[in-house]
Amino acid sequence: MEDKKCNLEKDIQEFIGTVINKAEEERKLDFFSIKISNHRGTLQLDYTLGERRKSY
């Protein structure tokens, strides 16, 4: 059971680090979203980098 937890934590931390690095490369650290779900040990990891601008 502890192995499952450690593997999940490792995979999630690695993914988050990758997303933050990608956002930094594209100068989009001001807006990004991360969606993480787990179903029976299969991680679904999605991210979106965005850009928000004030119109006035």
PDB file of N, CA and C in Angstrom:
ATOM      1  N   MET A   1       0.830  -1.203   0.000  1.00  0.00           N
ATOM      2  CA  MET A   1       0.000   0.000   0.000  1.00  0.00           C
ATOM      3  C   MET A   1       0.865   1.253   0.000  1.00  0.00           C
ATOM      4  N   GLU A   2       1.958   1.219   0.768  1.00  0.00           N
ATOM      5  CA  GLU A   2       2.852   2.376   0.846  1.00  0.00           C
ATOM      6  C   GLU A   2       3.524   2.631  -0.498  1.00  0.00           C
ATOM      7  N   ASP A   3       3.820   1.546  -1.257  1.00  0.00           N
ATOM      8  CA  ASP A   3       4.418   1.705  -2.578  1.00  0.00           C
ATOM      9  C   ASP A   3       3.490   2.465  -3.520  1.00  0.00           C
ATOM     10  N   LYS A   4       2.204   2.155  -3.464  1.00  0.00           N
ATOM     11  CA  LYS A   4       1.235   2.848  -4.314  1.00  0.00           C
ATOM     12  C   LYS A   4       1.243   4.341  -4.023  1.00  0.00           C
ATOM     13  N   LYS A   5       1.218   4.672  -2.733  1.00  0.00           N
ATOM     14  CA  LYS A   5       1.202   6.075  -2.323  1.00  0.00           C
ATOM     15  C   LYS A   5       2.468   6.778  -2.790  1.00  0.00           C
ATOM     16  N   CYS A   6       3.610   6.150  -2.568  1.00  0.00           N
ATOM     17  CA  CYS A   6       4.889   6.752  -2.974  1.00  0.00           C
ATOM     18  C   CYS A   6       4.960   6.945  -4.485  1.00  0.00           C
ATOM     19  N   ASN A   7       4.493   5.946  -5.236  1.00  0.00           N
ATOM     20  CA  ASN A   7       4.496   6.055  -6.702  1.00  0.00           C
ATOM     21  C   ASN A   7       3.583   7.179  -7.178  1.00  0.00           C
ATOM     22  N   LEU A   8       2.399   7.287  -6.578  1.00  0.00           N
ATOM     23  CA  LEU A   8       1.483   8.366  -6.939  1.00  0.00           C
ATOM     24  C   LEU A   8       2.108   9.728  -6.643  1.00  0.00           C
ATOM     25  N   GLU A   9       2.670   9.873  -5.452  1.00  0.00           N
ATOM     26  CA  GLU A   9       3.287  11.141  -5.075  1.00  0.00           C
ATOM     27  C   GLU A   9       4.431  11.499  -6.018  1.00  0.00           C
ATOM     28  N   LYS A  10       5.258  10.529  -6.343  1.00  0.00           N
ATOM     29  CA  LYS A  10       6.396  10.759  -7.236  1.00  0.00           C
ATOM     30  C   LYS A  10       5.924  11.204  -8.618  1.00  0.00           C
ATOM     31  N   ASP A  11       4.950  10.473  -9.185  1.00  0.00           N
ATOM     32  CA  ASP A  11       4.447  10.801 -10.518  1.00  0.00           C
ATOM     33  C   ASP A  11       3.786  12.177 -10.547  1.00  0.00           C
ATOM     34  N   ILE A  12       3.010  12.495  -9.519  1.00  0.00           N
ATOM     35  CA  ILE A  12       2.312  13.779  -9.465  1.00  0.00           C
ATOM     36  C   ILE A  12       3.303  14.923  -9.297  1.00  0.00           C
ATOM     37  N   GLN A  13       4.277  14.766  -8.411  1.00  0.00           N
ATOM     38  CA  GLN A  13       5.277  15.814  -8.209  1.00  0.00           C
ATOM     39  C   GLN A  13       6.089  16.051  -9.478  1.00  0.00           C
ATOM     40  N   GLU A  14       6.443  14.981 -10.162  1.00  0.00           N
ATOM     41  CA  GLU A  14       7.197  15.096 -11.416  1.00  0.00           C
ATOM     42  C   GLU A  14       6.381  15.840 -12.467  1.00  0.00           C
ATOM     43  N   PHE A  15       5.091  15.500 -12.572  1.00  0.00           N
ATOM     44  CA  PHE A  15       4.219  16.147 -13.552  1.00  0.00           C
ATOM     45  C   PHE A  15       4.073  17.629 -13.245  1.00  0.00           C
ATOM     46  N   ILE A  16       3.849  17.978 -11.998  1.00  0.00           N
ATOM     47  CA  ILE A  16       3.685  19.375 -11.616  1.00  0.00           C
ATOM     48  C   ILE A  16       4.961  20.157 -11.922  1.00  0.00           C
ATOM     49  N   GLY A  17       6.115  19.581 -11.615  1.00  0.00           N
ATOM     50  CA  GLY A  17       7.380  20.236 -11.935  1.00  0.00           C
ATOM     51  C   GLY A  17       7.543  20.478 -13.426  1.00  0.00           C
ATOM     52  N   THR A  18       7.157  19.499 -14.225  1.00  0.00           N
ATOM     53  CA  THR A  18       7.235  19.624 -15.677  1.00  0.00           C
ATOM     54  C   THR A  18       6.327  20.736 -16.179  1.00  0.00           C
ATOM     55  N   VAL A  19       5.114  20.812 -15.651  1.00  0.00           N
ATOM     56  CA  VAL A  19       4.166  21.850 -16.068  1.00  0.00           C
ATOM     57  C   VAL A  19       4.691  23.239 -15.698  1.00  0.00           C
ATOM     58  N   ILE A  20       5.211  23.390 -14.504  1.00  0.00           N
ATOM     59  CA  ILE A  20       5.741  24.688 -14.076  1.00  0.00           C
ATOM     60  C   ILE A  20       6.922  25.102 -14.951  1.00  0.00           C
ATOM     61  N   ASN A  21       7.806  24.162 -15.265  1.00  0.00           N
ATOM     62  CA  ASN A  21       8.928  24.474 -16.152  1.00  0.00           C
ATOM     63  C   ASN A  21       8.455  24.890 -17.542  1.00  0.00           C
ATOM     64  N   LYS A  22       7.467  24.192 -18.063  1.00  0.00           N
ATOM     65  CA  LYS A  22       6.904  24.519 -19.386  1.00  0.00           C
ATOM     66  C   LYS A  22       6.252  25.902 -19.354  1.00  0.00           C
ATOM     67  N   ALA A  23       5.509  26.183 -18.292  1.00  0.00           N
ATOM     68  CA  ALA A  23       4.862  27.494 -18.159  1.00  0.00           C
ATOM     69  C   ALA A  23       5.917  28.599 -18.088  1.00  0.00           C
ATOM     70  N   GLU A  24       7.001  28.344 -17.400  1.00  0.00           N
ATOM     71  CA  GLU A  24       8.079  29.333 -17.298  1.00  0.00           C
ATOM     72  C   GLU A  24       8.724  29.569 -18.663  1.00  0.00           C
ATOM     73  N   GLU A  25       8.978  28.497 -19.408  1.00  0.00           N
ATOM     74  CA  GLU A  25       9.570  28.615 -20.741  1.00  0.00           C
ATOM     75  C   GLU A  25       8.706  29.472 -21.665  1.00  0.00           C
ATOM     76  N   GLU A  26       7.392  29.309 -21.555  1.00  0.00           N
ATOM     77  CA  GLU A  26       6.465  30.031 -22.427  1.00  0.00           C
ATOM     78  C   GLU A  26       5.998  31.353 -21.818  1.00  0.00           C
ATOM     79  N   ARG A  27       6.596  31.730 -20.680  1.00  0.00           N
ATOM     80  CA  ARG A  27       6.247  32.968 -19.978  1.00  0.00           C
ATOM     81  C   ARG A  27       4.752  33.036 -19.656  1.00  0.00           C
ATOM     82  N   LYS A  28       4.244  31.946 -19.135  1.00  0.00           N
ATOM     83  CA  LYS A  28       2.823  31.865 -18.797  1.00  0.00           C
ATOM     84  C   LYS A  28       2.621  31.403 -17.359  1.00  0.00           C
ATOM     85  N   LEU A  29       3.524  31.819 -16.484  1.00  0.00           N
ATOM     86  CA  LEU A  29       3.404  31.439 -15.075  1.00  0.00           C
ATOM     87  C   LEU A  29       2.224  32.120 -14.392  1.00  0.00           C
ATOM     88  N   ASP A  30       1.672  33.162 -14.998  1.00  0.00           N
ATOM     89  CA  ASP A  30       0.550  33.872 -14.391  1.00  0.00           C
ATOM     90  C   ASP A  30      -0.759  33.100 -14.482  1.00  0.00           C
ATOM     91  N   PHE A  31      -0.858  32.186 -15.447  1.00  0.00           N
ATOM     92  CA  PHE A  31      -2.094  31.421 -15.556  1.00  0.00           C
ATOM     93  C   PHE A  31      -1.812  30.040 -16.131  1.00  0.00           C
ATOM     94  N   PHE A  32      -2.045  29.034 -15.318  1.00  0.00           N
ATOM     95  CA  PHE A  32      -2.037  27.659 -15.791  1.00  0.00           C
ATOM     96  C   PHE A  32      -2.956  26.851 -14.886  1.00  0.00           C
ATOM     97  N   SER A  33      -3.493  25.789 -15.430  1.00  0.00           N
ATOM     98  CA  SER A  33      -4.331  24.910 -14.613  1.00  0.00           C
ATOM     99  C   SER A  33      -3.845  23.476 -14.789  1.00  0.00           C
ATOM    100  N   ILE A  34      -3.999  22.713 -13.733  1.00  0.00           N
ATOM    101  CA  ILE A  34      -3.588  21.315 -13.717  1.00  0.00           C
ATOM    102  C   ILE A  34      -4.762  20.489 -13.225  1.00  0.00           C
ATOM    103  N   LYS A  35      -5.057  19.423 -13.952  1.00  0.00           N
ATOM    104  CA  LYS A  35      -6.122  18.507 -13.542  1.00  0.00           C
ATOM    105  C   LYS A  35      -5.513  17.114 -13.404  1.00  0.00           C
ATOM    106  N   ILE A  36      -5.700  16.528 -12.243  1.00  0.00           N
ATOM    107  CA  ILE A  36      -5.151  15.207 -11.961  1.00  0.00           C
ATOM    108  C   ILE A  36      -6.273  14.316 -11.446  1.00  0.00           C
ATOM    109  N   SER A  37      -6.430  13.166 -12.064  1.00  0.00           N
ATOM    110  CA  SER A  37      -7.399  12.196 -11.569  1.00  0.00           C
ATOM    111  C   SER A  37      -6.758  10.812 -11.591  1.00  0.00           C
ATOM    112  N   ASN A  38      -7.249   9.940 -10.739  1.00  0.00           N
ATOM    113  CA  ASN A  38      -6.730   8.594 -10.618  1.00  0.00           C
ATOM    114  C   ASN A  38      -7.898   7.616 -10.607  1.00  0.00           C
ATOM    115  N   HIS A  39      -7.821   6.612 -11.458  1.00  0.00           N
ATOM    116  CA  HIS A  39      -8.844   5.573 -11.474  1.00  0.00           C
ATOM    117  C   HIS A  39      -8.141   4.228 -11.534  1.00  0.00           C
ATOM    118  N   ARG A  40      -8.186   3.510 -10.439  1.00  0.00           N
ATOM    119  CA  ARG A  40      -7.581   2.184 -10.340  1.00  0.00           C
ATOM    120  C   ARG A  40      -6.106   2.188 -10.749  1.00  0.00           C
ATOM    121  N   GLY A  41      -5.390   3.188 -10.298  1.00  0.00           N
ATOM    122  CA  GLY A  41      -3.957   3.246 -10.549  1.00  0.00           C
ATOM    123  C   GLY A  41      -3.544   3.871 -11.862  1.00  0.00           C
ATOM    124  N   THR A  42      -4.515   4.282 -12.666  1.00  0.00           N
ATOM    125  CA  THR A  42      -4.202   4.944 -13.926  1.00  0.00           C
ATOM    126  C   THR A  42      -4.388   6.442 -13.736  1.00  0.00           C
ATOM    127  N   LEU A  43      -3.281   7.161 -13.811  1.00  0.00           N
ATOM    128  CA  LEU A  43      -3.340   8.614 -13.631  1.00  0.00           C
ATOM    129  C   LEU A  43      -3.720   9.292 -14.936  1.00  0.00           C
ATOM    130  N   GLN A  44      -4.606  10.242 -14.839  1.00  0.00           N
ATOM    131  CA  GLN A  44      -4.956  11.115 -15.956  1.00  0.00           C
ATOM    132  C   GLN A  44      -4.410  12.481 -15.581  1.00  0.00           C
ATOM    133  N   LEU A  45      -3.427  12.956 -16.317  1.00  0.00           N
ATOM    134  CA  LEU A  45      -2.750  14.208 -15.994  1.00  0.00           C
ATOM    135  C   LEU A  45      -2.921  15.171 -17.165  1.00  0.00           C
ATOM    136  N   ASP A  46      -3.588  16.271 -16.924  1.00  0.00           N
ATOM    137  CA  ASP A  46      -3.829  17.271 -17.967  1.00  0.00           C
ATOM    138  C   ASP A  46      -3.422  18.643 -17.463  1.00  0.00           C
ATOM    139  N   TYR A  47      -2.968  19.474 -18.376  1.00  0.00           N
ATOM    140  CA  TYR A  47      -2.665  20.856 -18.010  1.00  0.00           C
ATOM    141  C   TYR A  47      -3.036  21.788 -19.145  1.00  0.00           C
ATOM    142  N   THR A  48      -3.271  23.027 -18.779  1.00  0.00           N
ATOM    143  CA  THR A  48      -3.578  24.078 -19.737  1.00  0.00           C
ATOM    144  C   THR A  48      -2.769  25.309 -19.368  1.00  0.00           C
ATOM    145  N   LEU A  49      -2.082  25.843 -20.351  1.00  0.00           N
ATOM    146  CA  LEU A  49      -1.376  27.105 -20.163  1.00  0.00           C
ATOM    147  C   LEU A  49      -2.218  28.179 -20.830  1.00  0.00           C
ATOM    148  N   GLY A  50      -2.415  29.280 -20.152  1.00  0.00           N
ATOM    149  CA  GLY A  50      -3.253  30.329 -20.709  1.00  0.00           C
ATOM    150  C   GLY A  50      -2.633  31.685 -20.565  1.00  0.00           C
ATOM    151  N   GLU A  51      -3.335  32.625 -21.075  1.00  0.00           N
ATOM    152  CA  GLU A  51      -2.899  34.003 -20.983  1.00  0.00           C
ATOM    153  C   GLU A  51      -4.125  34.862 -20.742  1.00  0.00           C
ATOM    154  N   ARG A  52      -4.057  35.658 -19.725  1.00  0.00           N
ATOM    155  CA  ARG A  52      -5.173  36.559 -19.415  1.00  0.00           C
ATOM    156  C   ARG A  52      -4.690  37.978 -19.545  1.00  0.00           C
ATOM    157  N   ARG A  53      -5.484  38.769 -20.215  1.00  0.00           N
ATOM    158  CA  ARG A  53      -5.151  40.185 -20.399  1.00  0.00           C
ATOM    159  C   ARG A  53      -6.335  41.025 -19.984  1.00  0.00           C
ATOM    160  N   LYS A  54      -6.039  42.169 -19.423  1.00  0.00           N
ATOM    161  CA  LYS A  54      -7.096  43.110 -19.089  1.00  0.00           C
ATOM    162  C   LYS A  54      -7.453  43.884 -20.343  1.00  0.00           C
ATOM    163  N   SER A  55      -8.736  44.041 -20.565  1.00  0.00           N
ATOM    164  CA  SER A  55      -9.164  44.751 -21.768  1.00  0.00           C
ATOM    165  C   SER A  55      -9.384  46.233 -21.502  1.00  0.00           C
ATOM    166  N   TYR A  56      -9.381  46.643 -20.264  1.00  0.00           N
ATOM    167  CA  TYR A  56      -9.519  48.076 -19.972  1.00  0.00           C
ATOM    168  C   TYR A  56      -8.825  48.399 -18.676  1.00  0.00           C
TER     169      TYR A  56
END
